[in-house]
Amino acid sequence: HPNSSSSMDMEKGNYTVIEVVIAVICCLGNMLVILALWKTKSIQQPTFCLIVSLAVADFMVGSVAIPLAVLVDGQVETSFHVCLFISCVILLLTLVSVLCLMAIAVDRYLVALHRYRRTVTWRHSYFVAAICWLVAVPLSFTPLFGWHTDPPQSGISTALCRFVNVIPMSYLVYFNFILCTLTPLLVMTVLYSHVFSYIRKNLREKPGSNAKNQSQNYLRKEKQLAASLFLVLALFAVSWLPLHIMNCIEYFQPQSVTEVAFYAGIVLSHANSAVNPIVYAFKIRKIRKAYLRFWKHFSFILCQTIPSHQHSLKKNVQRR
């Protein structure tokens, strides 16, 4: 049917354009987060070190995962195992984001309830961030070790690479969703609920001595930061759950979800990585200040570079 194939091509074209826009926003926004926190030394604080790790994962969603996701939608011919490897790389960056969010939730829980700030340094946080990346690799590359759709026995060495043709729905539903996404999300929700109930309970106490007033001010700041980071978690859940739910429906009732719905779910999941820098800017004061400082520094350099460049051009013209 020529009409159905042309409408399919239009859908793919629209999907690709939207993905390119999201990828550009992802890269620019998260690069700003990384540079701003690096320049202002905020990266040396445990929580912000983990936020940088999450921003790196989000940056790589824009620079690596989105281009690969477009490719594995039947845009390129590869061997079966190359296609499988590319698909695992896409899964890796999602899993790193989940593990970074988990590390941030544990950090908030320990800070609020156990005041562990004295013993944990930014070096420990670097170590935790590295662990998040290292643990994500074997989990996301599980399909390479056998949990994949068997390649066709036709003897053809290459074929159009499609994510859904190499990664089985059983892996996406039971392993990627239930074990690696839903379970951590539930654990994180419990941790944040403990943090908020503890802070609320302590803030209800009547202010007394100076030490108690300082403690309450500290708890207010912790509550504000925890609320902002919980919003990041909530947005992650809202962005990713529709795609996972569609995978579950498709697994138990094959061909009941339209391709357009899947495209919309994929775009929404990728958009999450573009939204996080905006949330940081509006909700976390320290990051907002880091943005402004970095922007002032960048503007200052730009203002000095442009006049000197114009002056050198003027000199060259006069010599001629």
C-alpha atoms as a PDB file:
ATOM      1  CA  HIS A   1       0.000   0.000   0.000  1.00  0.00           C
ATOM      2  CA  PRO A   2       1.768   3.216  -1.181  1.00  0.00           C
ATOM      3  CA  ASN A   3      -0.277   5.469   1.149  1.00  0.00           C
ATOM      4  CA  SER A   4       0.549   3.472   4.278  1.00  0.00           C
ATOM      5  CA  SER A   5       4.279   3.343   3.381  1.00  0.00           C
ATOM      6  CA  SER A   6       4.391   7.118   2.710  1.00  0.00           C
ATOM      7  CA  SER A   7       2.618   7.844   6.030  1.00  0.00           C
ATOM      8  CA  MET A   8       5.099   5.504   7.767  1.00  0.00           C
ATOM      9  CA  ASP A   9       7.999   7.401   6.151  1.00  0.00           C
ATOM     10  CA  MET A  10       6.468  10.691   7.340  1.00  0.00           C
ATOM     11  CA  GLU A  11       6.135   9.328  10.895  1.00  0.00           C
ATOM     12  CA  LYS A  12       9.786   8.205  10.831  1.00  0.00           C
ATOM     13  CA  GLY A  13      10.845  11.586   9.431  1.00  0.00           C
ATOM     14  CA  ASN A  14       8.963  13.477  12.162  1.00  0.00           C
ATOM     15  CA  TYR A  15      10.393  11.131  14.809  1.00  0.00           C
ATOM     16  CA  THR A  16      13.962  11.716  13.548  1.00  0.00           C
ATOM     17  CA  VAL A  17      13.550  15.535  13.495  1.00  0.00           C
ATOM     18  CA  ILE A  18      12.131  15.581  17.059  1.00  0.00           C
ATOM     19  CA  GLU A  19      14.952  13.298  18.249  1.00  0.00           C
ATOM     20  CA  VAL A  20      17.596  15.604  16.703  1.00  0.00           C
ATOM     21  CA  VAL A  21      16.068  18.648  18.489  1.00  0.00           C
ATOM     22  CA  ILE A  22      15.988  16.765  21.822  1.00  0.00           C
ATOM     23  CA  ALA A  23      19.593  15.585  21.303  1.00  0.00           C
ATOM     24  CA  VAL A  24      20.833  19.173  20.756  1.00  0.00           C
ATOM     25  CA  ILE A  25      18.975  20.453  23.866  1.00  0.00           C
ATOM     26  CA  CYS A  26      20.310  17.464  25.887  1.00  0.00           C
ATOM     27  CA  CYS A  27      23.907  18.161  24.913  1.00  0.00           C
ATOM     28  CA  LEU A  28      23.803  21.954  25.436  1.00  0.00           C
ATOM     29  CA  GLY A  29      21.840  21.852  28.724  1.00  0.00           C
ATOM     30  CA  ASN A  30      23.828  19.089  30.381  1.00  0.00           C
ATOM     31  CA  MET A  31      27.171  20.469  29.181  1.00  0.00           C
ATOM     32  CA  LEU A  32      26.198  23.726  30.925  1.00  0.00           C
ATOM     33  CA  VAL A  33      25.447  21.787  34.157  1.00  0.00           C
ATOM     34  CA  ILE A  34      28.807  19.962  34.018  1.00  0.00           C
ATOM     35  CA  LEU A  35      30.873  23.081  33.212  1.00  0.00           C
ATOM     36  CA  ALA A  36      29.043  25.317  35.723  1.00  0.00           C
ATOM     37  CA  LEU A  37      29.490  22.873  38.618  1.00  0.00           C
ATOM     38  CA  TRP A  38      33.093  22.129  37.601  1.00  0.00           C
ATOM     39  CA  LYS A  39      34.069  25.805  37.372  1.00  0.00           C
ATOM     40  CA  THR A  40      32.477  26.750  40.719  1.00  0.00           C
ATOM     41  CA  LYS A  41      34.079  23.786  42.581  1.00  0.00           C
ATOM     42  CA  SER A  42      30.569  22.629  43.599  1.00  0.00           C
ATOM     43  CA  ILE A  43      31.532  19.252  42.155  1.00  0.00           C
ATOM     44  CA  GLN A  44      33.605  18.708  45.330  1.00  0.00           C
ATOM     45  CA  GLN A  45      30.390  18.383  47.383  1.00  0.00           C
ATOM     46  CA  PRO A  46      29.111  14.774  47.483  1.00  0.00           C
ATOM     47  CA  THR A  47      25.528  15.409  46.264  1.00  0.00           C
ATOM     48  CA  PHE A  48      26.598  17.694  43.411  1.00  0.00           C
ATOM     49  CA  CYS A  49      29.263  15.208  42.338  1.00  0.00           C
ATOM     50  CA  LEU A  50      26.452  12.647  41.845  1.00  0.00           C
ATOM     51  CA  ILE A  51      24.344  15.253  39.995  1.00  0.00           C
ATOM     52  CA  VAL A  52      27.308  15.771  37.623  1.00  0.00           C
ATOM     53  CA  SER A  53      27.430  11.999  37.050  1.00  0.00           C
ATOM     54  CA  LEU A  54      23.706  12.079  36.174  1.00  0.00           C
ATOM     55  CA  ALA A  55      24.317  15.087  33.878  1.00  0.00           C
ATOM     56  CA  VAL A  56      27.115  13.155  32.109  1.00  0.00           C
ATOM     57  CA  ALA A  57      24.686  10.262  31.536  1.00  0.00           C
ATOM     58  CA  ASP A  58      22.049  12.726  30.233  1.00  0.00           C
ATOM     59  CA  PHE A  59      24.651  14.387  27.975  1.00  0.00           C
ATOM     60  CA  MET A  60      25.517  10.973  26.553  1.00  0.00           C
ATOM     61  CA  VAL A  61      21.823  10.274  25.934  1.00  0.00           C
ATOM     62  CA  GLY A  62      21.892  13.306  23.604  1.00  0.00           C
ATOM     63  CA  SER A  63      25.296  12.641  22.032  1.00  0.00           C
ATOM     64  CA  VAL A  64      25.241   8.809  21.862  1.00  0.00           C
ATOM     65  CA  ALA A  65      21.908   7.124  22.747  1.00  0.00           C
ATOM     66  CA  ILE A  66      19.579   9.258  20.587  1.00  0.00           C
ATOM     67  CA  PRO A  67      21.718   9.000  17.392  1.00  0.00           C
ATOM     68  CA  LEU A  68      22.026   5.229  17.979  1.00  0.00           C
ATOM     69  CA  ALA A  69      18.266   4.914  18.665  1.00  0.00           C
ATOM     70  CA  VAL A  70      17.560   6.551  15.291  1.00  0.00           C
ATOM     71  CA  LEU A  71      20.064   4.195  13.603  1.00  0.00           C
ATOM     72  CA  VAL A  72      18.570   1.016  15.149  1.00  0.00           C
ATOM     73  CA  ASP A  73      15.154   1.949  13.780  1.00  0.00           C
ATOM     74  CA  GLY A  74      16.001   0.233  10.487  1.00  0.00           C
ATOM     75  CA  GLN A  75      18.252   3.040   9.188  1.00  0.00           C
ATOM     76  CA  VAL A  76      21.461   1.033   8.811  1.00  0.00           C
ATOM     77  CA  GLU A  77      22.541  -2.463   7.782  1.00  0.00           C
ATOM     78  CA  THR A  78      24.798  -4.288  10.259  1.00  0.00           C
ATOM     79  CA  SER A  79      25.656  -7.790  11.378  1.00  0.00           C
ATOM     80  CA  PHE A  80      23.442  -9.272  14.105  1.00  0.00           C
ATOM     81  CA  HIS A  81      26.023  -8.879  16.896  1.00  0.00           C
ATOM     82  CA  VAL A  82      26.895  -5.267  15.980  1.00  0.00           C
ATOM     83  CA  CYS A  83      23.186  -4.416  16.102  1.00  0.00           C
ATOM     84  CA  LEU A  84      22.908  -6.186  19.473  1.00  0.00           C
ATOM     85  CA  PHE A  85      25.933  -4.273  20.848  1.00  0.00           C
ATOM     86  CA  ILE A  86      24.500  -0.879  19.718  1.00  0.00           C
ATOM     87  CA  SER A  87      21.154  -1.732  21.362  1.00  0.00           C
ATOM     88  CA  CYS A  88      22.941  -2.618  24.640  1.00  0.00           C
ATOM     89  CA  VAL A  89      24.750   0.770  24.627  1.00  0.00           C
ATOM     90  CA  ILE A  90      21.326   2.495  24.466  1.00  0.00           C
ATOM     91  CA  LEU A  91      20.157   0.423  27.473  1.00  0.00           C
ATOM     92  CA  LEU A  92      23.398   1.242  29.364  1.00  0.00           C
ATOM     93  CA  LEU A  93      22.760   5.001  29.567  1.00  0.00           C
ATOM     94  CA  THR A  94      19.228   4.521  30.941  1.00  0.00           C
ATOM     95  CA  LEU A  95      20.514   2.163  33.600  1.00  0.00           C
ATOM     96  CA  VAL A  96      23.304   4.579  34.612  1.00  0.00           C
ATOM     97  CA  SER A  97      20.637   7.282  35.127  1.00  0.00           C
ATOM     98  CA  VAL A  98      18.611   4.945  37.388  1.00  0.00           C
ATOM     99  CA  LEU A  99      21.692   4.030  39.458  1.00  0.00           C
ATOM    100  CA  CYS A 100      22.761   7.708  39.777  1.00  0.00           C
ATOM    101  CA  LEU A 101      19.245   8.618  40.946  1.00  0.00           C
ATOM    102  CA  MET A 102      19.462   5.764  43.475  1.00  0.00           C
ATOM    103  CA  ALA A 103      22.854   7.012  44.729  1.00  0.00           C
ATOM    104  CA  ILE A 104      21.415  10.560  45.110  1.00  0.00           C
ATOM    105  CA  ALA A 105      18.407   9.193  47.065  1.00  0.00           C
ATOM    106  CA  VAL A 106      20.690   7.209  49.410  1.00  0.00           C
ATOM    107  CA  ASP A 107      22.888  10.314  49.818  1.00  0.00           C
ATOM    108  CA  ARG A 108      19.867  12.453  50.786  1.00  0.00           C
ATOM    109  CA  TYR A 109      18.654   9.760  53.212  1.00  0.00           C
ATOM    110  CA  LEU A 110      22.046   9.480  54.957  1.00  0.00           C
ATOM    111  CA  VAL A 111      22.530  13.258  55.125  1.00  0.00           C
ATOM    112  CA  ALA A 112      19.080  13.989  56.573  1.00  0.00           C
ATOM    113  CA  LEU A 113      18.759  11.065  58.986  1.00  0.00           C
ATOM    114  CA  HIS A 114      22.360  10.310  59.938  1.00  0.00           C
ATOM    115  CA  ARG A 115      24.226  13.565  59.242  1.00  0.00           C
ATOM    116  CA  TYR A 116      27.012  11.633  57.540  1.00  0.00           C
ATOM    117  CA  ARG A 117      28.536  14.731  55.901  1.00  0.00           C
ATOM    118  CA  ARG A 118      31.568  14.707  58.236  1.00  0.00           C
ATOM    119  CA  THR A 119      32.801  11.287  57.152  1.00  0.00           C
ATOM    120  CA  VAL A 120      31.948  11.301  53.427  1.00  0.00           C
ATOM    121  CA  THR A 121      34.150  13.350  51.099  1.00  0.00           C
ATOM    122  CA  TRP A 122      33.813  14.161  47.407  1.00  0.00           C
ATOM    123  CA  ARG A 123      36.330  11.352  46.730  1.00  0.00           C
ATOM    124  CA  HIS A 124      33.834   8.854  48.159  1.00  0.00           C
ATOM    125  CA  SER A 125      31.179  10.327  45.878  1.00  0.00           C
ATOM    126  CA  TYR A 126      33.473   9.986  42.854  1.00  0.00           C
ATOM    127  CA  PHE A 127      33.897   6.338  43.839  1.00  0.00           C
ATOM    128  CA  VAL A 128      30.094   5.850  44.129  1.00  0.00           C
ATOM    129  CA  ALA A 129      29.562   7.543  40.727  1.00  0.00           C
ATOM    130  CA  ALA A 130      32.188   5.222  39.179  1.00  0.00           C
ATOM    131  CA  ILE A 131      30.457   2.200  40.774  1.00  0.00           C
ATOM    132  CA  CYS A 132      27.140   3.302  39.184  1.00  0.00           C
ATOM    133  CA  TRP A 133      28.762   3.203  35.730  1.00  0.00           C
ATOM    134  CA  LEU A 134      30.645  -0.059  36.372  1.00  0.00           C
ATOM    135  CA  VAL A 135      27.563  -1.906  37.697  1.00  0.00           C
ATOM    136  CA  ALA A 136      25.430  -0.657  34.780  1.00  0.00           C
ATOM    137  CA  VAL A 137      27.753  -2.230  32.166  1.00  0.00           C
ATOM    138  CA  PRO A 138      27.212  -5.962  32.942  1.00  0.00           C
ATOM    139  CA  LEU A 139      23.491  -5.423  33.652  1.00  0.00           C
ATOM    140  CA  SER A 140      22.806  -3.624  30.364  1.00  0.00           C
ATOM    141  CA  PHE A 141      25.014  -5.964  28.297  1.00  0.00           C
ATOM    142  CA  THR A 142      23.176  -9.080  29.546  1.00  0.00           C
ATOM    143  CA  PRO A 143      21.609  -9.611  26.067  1.00  0.00           C
ATOM    144  CA  LEU A 144      25.139 -10.112  24.638  1.00  0.00           C
ATOM    145  CA  PHE A 145      25.536 -13.177  26.890  1.00  0.00           C
ATOM    146  CA  GLY A 146      22.499 -14.997  25.531  1.00  0.00           C
ATOM    147  CA  TRP A 147      19.279 -13.178  26.478  1.00  0.00           C
ATOM    148  CA  HIS A 148      18.590 -11.994  22.938  1.00  0.00           C
ATOM    149  CA  THR A 149      16.383 -12.875  19.996  1.00  0.00           C
ATOM    150  CA  ASP A 150      18.055 -15.587  17.913  1.00  0.00           C
ATOM    151  CA  PRO A 151      19.461 -14.328  14.592  1.00  0.00           C
ATOM    152  CA  PRO A 152      17.764 -15.571  11.403  1.00  0.00           C
ATOM    153  CA  GLN A 153      19.250 -18.773   9.953  1.00  0.00           C
ATOM    154  CA  SER A 154      19.110 -17.474   6.365  1.00  0.00           C
ATOM    155  CA  GLY A 155      22.885 -17.218   6.006  1.00  0.00           C
ATOM    156  CA  ILE A 156      22.729 -13.467   5.266  1.00  0.00           C
ATOM    157  CA  SER A 157      25.632 -11.753   7.072  1.00  0.00           C
ATOM    158  CA  THR A 158      24.002  -8.298   7.377  1.00  0.00           C
ATOM    159  CA  ALA A 159      20.451  -6.990   7.720  1.00  0.00           C
ATOM    160  CA  LEU A 160      18.597  -3.808   8.664  1.00  0.00           C
ATOM    161  CA  CYS A 161      19.348  -3.165  12.334  1.00  0.00           C
ATOM    162  CA  ARG A 162      16.198  -2.859  14.446  1.00  0.00           C
ATOM    163  CA  PHE A 163      16.255  -2.737  18.255  1.00  0.00           C
ATOM    164  CA  VAL A 164      13.037  -4.797  18.531  1.00  0.00           C
ATOM    165  CA  ASN A 165      14.511  -7.568  16.349  1.00  0.00           C
ATOM    166  CA  VAL A 166      17.494  -8.231  18.631  1.00  0.00           C
ATOM    167  CA  ILE A 167      16.313  -7.337  22.185  1.00  0.00           C
ATOM    168  CA  PRO A 168      13.459  -9.630  23.323  1.00  0.00           C
ATOM    169  CA  MET A 169      10.396  -8.195  25.084  1.00  0.00           C
ATOM    170  CA  SER A 170      10.951 -10.684  27.945  1.00  0.00           C
ATOM    171  CA  TYR A 171      14.278  -8.934  28.731  1.00  0.00           C
ATOM    172  CA  LEU A 172      12.711  -5.452  28.478  1.00  0.00           C
ATOM    173  CA  VAL A 173       9.768  -6.384  30.744  1.00  0.00           C
ATOM    174  CA  TYR A 174      11.252  -8.664  33.421  1.00  0.00           C
ATOM    175  CA  PHE A 175      14.871  -7.511  33.610  1.00  0.00           C
ATOM    176  CA  ASN A 176      15.058  -3.938  32.309  1.00  0.00           C
ATOM    177  CA  PHE A 177      11.709  -2.742  33.707  1.00  0.00           C
ATOM    178  CA  ILE A 178      10.767  -4.800  36.789  1.00  0.00           C
ATOM    179  CA  LEU A 179      14.258  -5.517  38.149  1.00  0.00           C
ATOM    180  CA  CYS A 180      16.360  -2.543  36.960  1.00  0.00           C
ATOM    181  CA  THR A 181      13.806   0.305  36.855  1.00  0.00           C
ATOM    182  CA  LEU A 182      10.631  -0.346  38.869  1.00  0.00           C
ATOM    183  CA  THR A 183      12.357  -1.895  41.915  1.00  0.00           C
ATOM    184  CA  PRO A 184      14.880   0.994  42.289  1.00  0.00           C
ATOM    185  CA  LEU A 185      12.072   3.558  41.779  1.00  0.00           C
ATOM    186  CA  LEU A 186      10.064   1.972  44.623  1.00  0.00           C
ATOM    187  CA  VAL A 187      13.158   1.892  46.895  1.00  0.00           C
ATOM    188  CA  MET A 188      13.901   5.562  46.097  1.00  0.00           C
ATOM    189  CA  THR A 189      10.285   6.561  46.842  1.00  0.00           C
ATOM    190  CA  VAL A 190      10.535   4.855  50.260  1.00  0.00           C
ATOM    191  CA  LEU A 191      13.859   6.615  51.000  1.00  0.00           C
ATOM    192  CA  TYR A 192      12.492  10.068  50.091  1.00  0.00           C
ATOM    193  CA  SER A 193       9.302   9.474  52.104  1.00  0.00           C
ATOM    194  CA  HIS A 194      11.506   8.673  55.152  1.00  0.00           C
ATOM    195  CA  VAL A 195      13.536  11.863  54.539  1.00  0.00           C
ATOM    196  CA  PHE A 196      10.426  14.077  54.291  1.00  0.00           C
ATOM    197  CA  SER A 197       8.683  12.535  57.326  1.00  0.00           C
ATOM    198  CA  TYR A 198      11.865  12.881  59.440  1.00  0.00           C
ATOM    199  CA  ILE A 199      12.398  16.525  58.420  1.00  0.00           C
ATOM    200  CA  ARG A 200       8.702  17.409  58.912  1.00  0.00           C
ATOM    201  CA  LYS A 201       8.725  15.816  62.388  1.00  0.00           C
ATOM    202  CA  ASN A 202      11.856  17.759  63.444  1.00  0.00           C
ATOM    203  CA  LEU A 203      10.620  21.074  62.029  1.00  0.00           C
ATOM    204  CA  ARG A 204       7.425  20.782  64.095  1.00  0.00           C
ATOM    205  CA  GLU A 205       9.476  21.015  67.294  1.00  0.00           C
ATOM    206  CA  LYS A 206       9.427  24.478  68.879  1.00  0.00           C
ATOM    207  CA  PRO A 207      12.607  26.511  68.304  1.00  0.00           C
ATOM    208  CA  GLY A 208      14.664  26.883  71.459  1.00  0.00           C
ATOM    209  CA  SER A 209      18.417  27.262  71.803  1.00  0.00           C
ATOM    210  CA  ASN A 210      20.689  28.710  69.127  1.00  0.00           C
ATOM    211  CA  ALA A 211      21.941  25.203  68.251  1.00  0.00           C
ATOM    212  CA  LYS A 212      18.360  24.042  67.731  1.00  0.00           C
ATOM    213  CA  ASN A 213      17.608  27.030  65.484  1.00  0.00           C
ATOM    214  CA  GLN A 214      20.708  26.241  63.402  1.00  0.00           C
ATOM    215  CA  SER A 215      19.591  22.611  63.167  1.00  0.00           C
ATOM    216  CA  GLN A 216      16.143  23.693  61.919  1.00  0.00           C
ATOM    217  CA  ASN A 217      17.692  26.015  59.306  1.00  0.00           C
ATOM    218  CA  TYR A 218      19.858  23.111  58.154  1.00  0.00           C
ATOM    219  CA  LEU A 219      16.786  20.847  57.894  1.00  0.00           C
ATOM    220  CA  ARG A 220      14.864  23.460  55.879  1.00  0.00           C
ATOM    221  CA  LYS A 221      17.707  23.606  53.351  1.00  0.00           C
ATOM    222  CA  GLU A 222      17.859  19.811  53.239  1.00  0.00           C
ATOM    223  CA  LYS A 223      14.093  19.640  52.693  1.00  0.00           C
ATOM    224  CA  GLN A 224      14.298  22.113  49.798  1.00  0.00           C
ATOM    225  CA  LEU A 225      17.148  20.208  48.112  1.00  0.00           C
ATOM    226  CA  ALA A 226      15.475  16.818  48.717  1.00  0.00           C
ATOM    227  CA  ALA A 227      12.198  18.133  47.220  1.00  0.00           C
ATOM    228  CA  SER A 228      14.053  19.349  44.097  1.00  0.00           C
ATOM    229  CA  LEU A 229      15.856  16.028  43.655  1.00  0.00           C
ATOM    230  CA  PHE A 230      12.625  14.101  44.240  1.00  0.00           C
ATOM    231  CA  LEU A 231      11.099  16.182  41.410  1.00  0.00           C
ATOM    232  CA  VAL A 232      13.961  14.975  39.147  1.00  0.00           C
ATOM    233  CA  LEU A 233      13.077  11.394  40.177  1.00  0.00           C
ATOM    234  CA  ALA A 234       9.330  11.954  39.596  1.00  0.00           C
ATOM    235  CA  LEU A 235      10.002  13.375  36.111  1.00  0.00           C
ATOM    236  CA  PHE A 236      12.169  10.345  35.324  1.00  0.00           C
ATOM    237  CA  ALA A 237       9.300   8.033  36.333  1.00  0.00           C
ATOM    238  CA  VAL A 238       6.697  10.022  34.343  1.00  0.00           C
ATOM    239  CA  SER A 239       8.974  10.050  31.273  1.00  0.00           C
ATOM    240  CA  TRP A 240       9.930   6.373  31.288  1.00  0.00           C
ATOM    241  CA  LEU A 241       6.878   4.525  32.677  1.00  0.00           C
ATOM    242  CA  PRO A 242       4.682   5.004  29.537  1.00  0.00           C
ATOM    243  CA  LEU A 243       7.289   3.244  27.338  1.00  0.00           C
ATOM    244  CA  HIS A 244       7.767   0.431  29.877  1.00  0.00           C
ATOM    245  CA  ILE A 245       3.987  -0.008  30.230  1.00  0.00           C
ATOM    246  CA  MET A 246       3.659  -0.209  26.425  1.00  0.00           C
ATOM    247  CA  ASN A 247       6.410  -2.875  26.396  1.00  0.00           C
ATOM    248  CA  CYS A 248       4.449  -4.876  29.000  1.00  0.00           C
ATOM    249  CA  ILE A 249       1.219  -4.599  26.957  1.00  0.00           C
ATOM    250  CA  GLU A 250       3.062  -5.611  23.782  1.00  0.00           C
ATOM    251  CA  TYR A 251       4.678  -8.582  25.567  1.00  0.00           C
ATOM    252  CA  PHE A 252       1.414  -9.989  26.950  1.00  0.00           C
ATOM    253  CA  GLN A 253      -0.773  -8.931  23.965  1.00  0.00           C
ATOM    254  CA  PRO A 254       1.437  -8.775  20.853  1.00  0.00           C
ATOM    255  CA  GLN A 255       0.727  -6.139  18.165  1.00  0.00           C
ATOM    256  CA  SER A 256      -1.745  -4.252  20.375  1.00  0.00           C
ATOM    257  CA  VAL A 257       0.392  -1.072  20.602  1.00  0.00           C
ATOM    258  CA  THR A 258       0.760   1.098  17.490  1.00  0.00           C
ATOM    259  CA  GLU A 259       4.159   2.138  16.154  1.00  0.00           C
ATOM    260  CA  VAL A 260       3.212   5.819  16.590  1.00  0.00           C
ATOM    261  CA  ALA A 261       2.565   5.189  20.307  1.00  0.00           C
ATOM    262  CA  PHE A 262       6.002   3.558  20.644  1.00  0.00           C
ATOM    263  CA  TYR A 263       7.645   6.524  18.891  1.00  0.00           C
ATOM    264  CA  ALA A 264       5.865   8.905  21.285  1.00  0.00           C
ATOM    265  CA  GLY A 265       7.047   6.825  24.277  1.00  0.00           C
ATOM    266  CA  ILE A 266      10.658   6.802  23.056  1.00  0.00           C
ATOM    267  CA  VAL A 267      10.631  10.579  22.449  1.00  0.00           C
ATOM    268  CA  LEU A 268       9.152  11.208  25.939  1.00  0.00           C
ATOM    269  CA  SER A 269      11.821   9.004  27.578  1.00  0.00           C
ATOM    270  CA  HIS A 270      14.634  10.857  25.785  1.00  0.00           C
ATOM    271  CA  ALA A 271      13.082  14.264  26.561  1.00  0.00           C
ATOM    272  CA  ASN A 272      13.664  13.535  30.259  1.00  0.00           C
ATOM    273  CA  SER A 273      17.410  14.045  29.767  1.00  0.00           C
ATOM    274  CA  ALA A 274      16.753  17.472  28.215  1.00  0.00           C
ATOM    275  CA  VAL A 275      14.421  18.589  31.047  1.00  0.00           C
ATOM    276  CA  ASN A 276      16.765  17.910  34.001  1.00  0.00           C
ATOM    277  CA  PRO A 277      19.060  20.971  33.460  1.00  0.00           C
ATOM    278  CA  ILE A 278      15.945  23.208  33.439  1.00  0.00           C
ATOM    279  CA  VAL A 279      14.758  21.671  36.737  1.00  0.00           C
ATOM    280  CA  TYR A 280      18.201  22.257  38.284  1.00  0.00           C
ATOM    281  CA  ALA A 281      18.137  25.911  37.156  1.00  0.00           C
ATOM    282  CA  PHE A 282      14.712  26.662  38.639  1.00  0.00           C
ATOM    283  CA  LYS A 283      14.741  24.468  41.758  1.00  0.00           C
ATOM    284  CA  ILE A 284      18.325  24.198  43.096  1.00  0.00           C
ATOM    285  CA  ARG A 285      19.738  27.561  44.174  1.00  0.00           C
ATOM    286  CA  LYS A 286      23.389  26.458  44.214  1.00  0.00           C
ATOM    287  CA  ILE A 287      23.180  25.217  40.627  1.00  0.00           C
ATOM    288  CA  ARG A 288      21.345  28.379  39.552  1.00  0.00           C
ATOM    289  CA  LYS A 289      24.167  30.467  41.076  1.00  0.00           C
ATOM    290  CA  ALA A 290      26.738  28.229  39.338  1.00  0.00           C
ATOM    291  CA  TYR A 291      24.947  28.811  36.000  1.00  0.00           C
ATOM    292  CA  LEU A 292      25.012  32.602  36.521  1.00  0.00           C
ATOM    293  CA  ARG A 293      28.686  32.639  37.572  1.00  0.00           C
ATOM    294  CA  PHE A 294      29.667  30.527  34.586  1.00  0.00           C
ATOM    295  CA  TRP A 295      27.582  32.703  32.241  1.00  0.00           C
ATOM    296  CA  LYS A 296      29.215  35.909  33.614  1.00  0.00           C
ATOM    297  CA  HIS A 297      32.676  34.367  33.215  1.00  0.00           C
ATOM    298  CA  PHE A 298      31.859  33.245  29.658  1.00  0.00           C
ATOM    299  CA  SER A 299      30.381  36.670  28.756  1.00  0.00           C
ATOM    300  CA  PHE A 300      33.459  38.431  30.148  1.00  0.00           C
ATOM    301  CA  ILE A 301      35.807  36.295  27.999  1.00  0.00           C
ATOM    302  CA  LEU A 302      33.559  36.825  24.962  1.00  0.00           C
ATOM    303  CA  CYS A 303      33.481  40.602  25.492  1.00  0.00           C
ATOM    304  CA  GLN A 304      37.295  40.693  25.664  1.00  0.00           C
ATOM    305  CA  THR A 305      37.827  38.375  22.676  1.00  0.00           C
ATOM    306  CA  ILE A 306      35.517  40.154  20.188  1.00  0.00           C
ATOM    307  CA  PRO A 307      37.053  43.704  20.494  1.00  0.00           C
ATOM    308  CA  SER A 308      40.629  42.334  20.282  1.00  0.00           C
ATOM    309  CA  HIS A 309      39.656  40.299  17.207  1.00  0.00           C
ATOM    310  CA  GLN A 310      38.053  43.387  15.624  1.00  0.00           C
ATOM    311  CA  HIS A 311      41.174  45.460  16.472  1.00  0.00           C
ATOM    312  CA  SER A 312      43.478  42.918  14.771  1.00  0.00           C
ATOM    313  CA  LEU A 313      41.213  42.888  11.684  1.00  0.00           C
ATOM    314  CA  LYS A 314      41.334  46.706  11.575  1.00  0.00           C
ATOM    315  CA  LYS A 315      45.137  46.640  11.706  1.00  0.00           C
ATOM    316  CA  ASN A 316      45.295  44.131   8.850  1.00  0.00           C
ATOM    317  CA  VAL A 317      42.989  46.310   6.713  1.00  0.00           C
ATOM    318  CA  GLN A 318      45.113  49.442   7.402  1.00  0.00           C
ATOM    319  CA  ARG A 319      48.327  47.605   6.405  1.00  0.00           C
ATOM    320  CA  ARG A 320      46.813  46.653   3.072  1.00  0.00           C
END
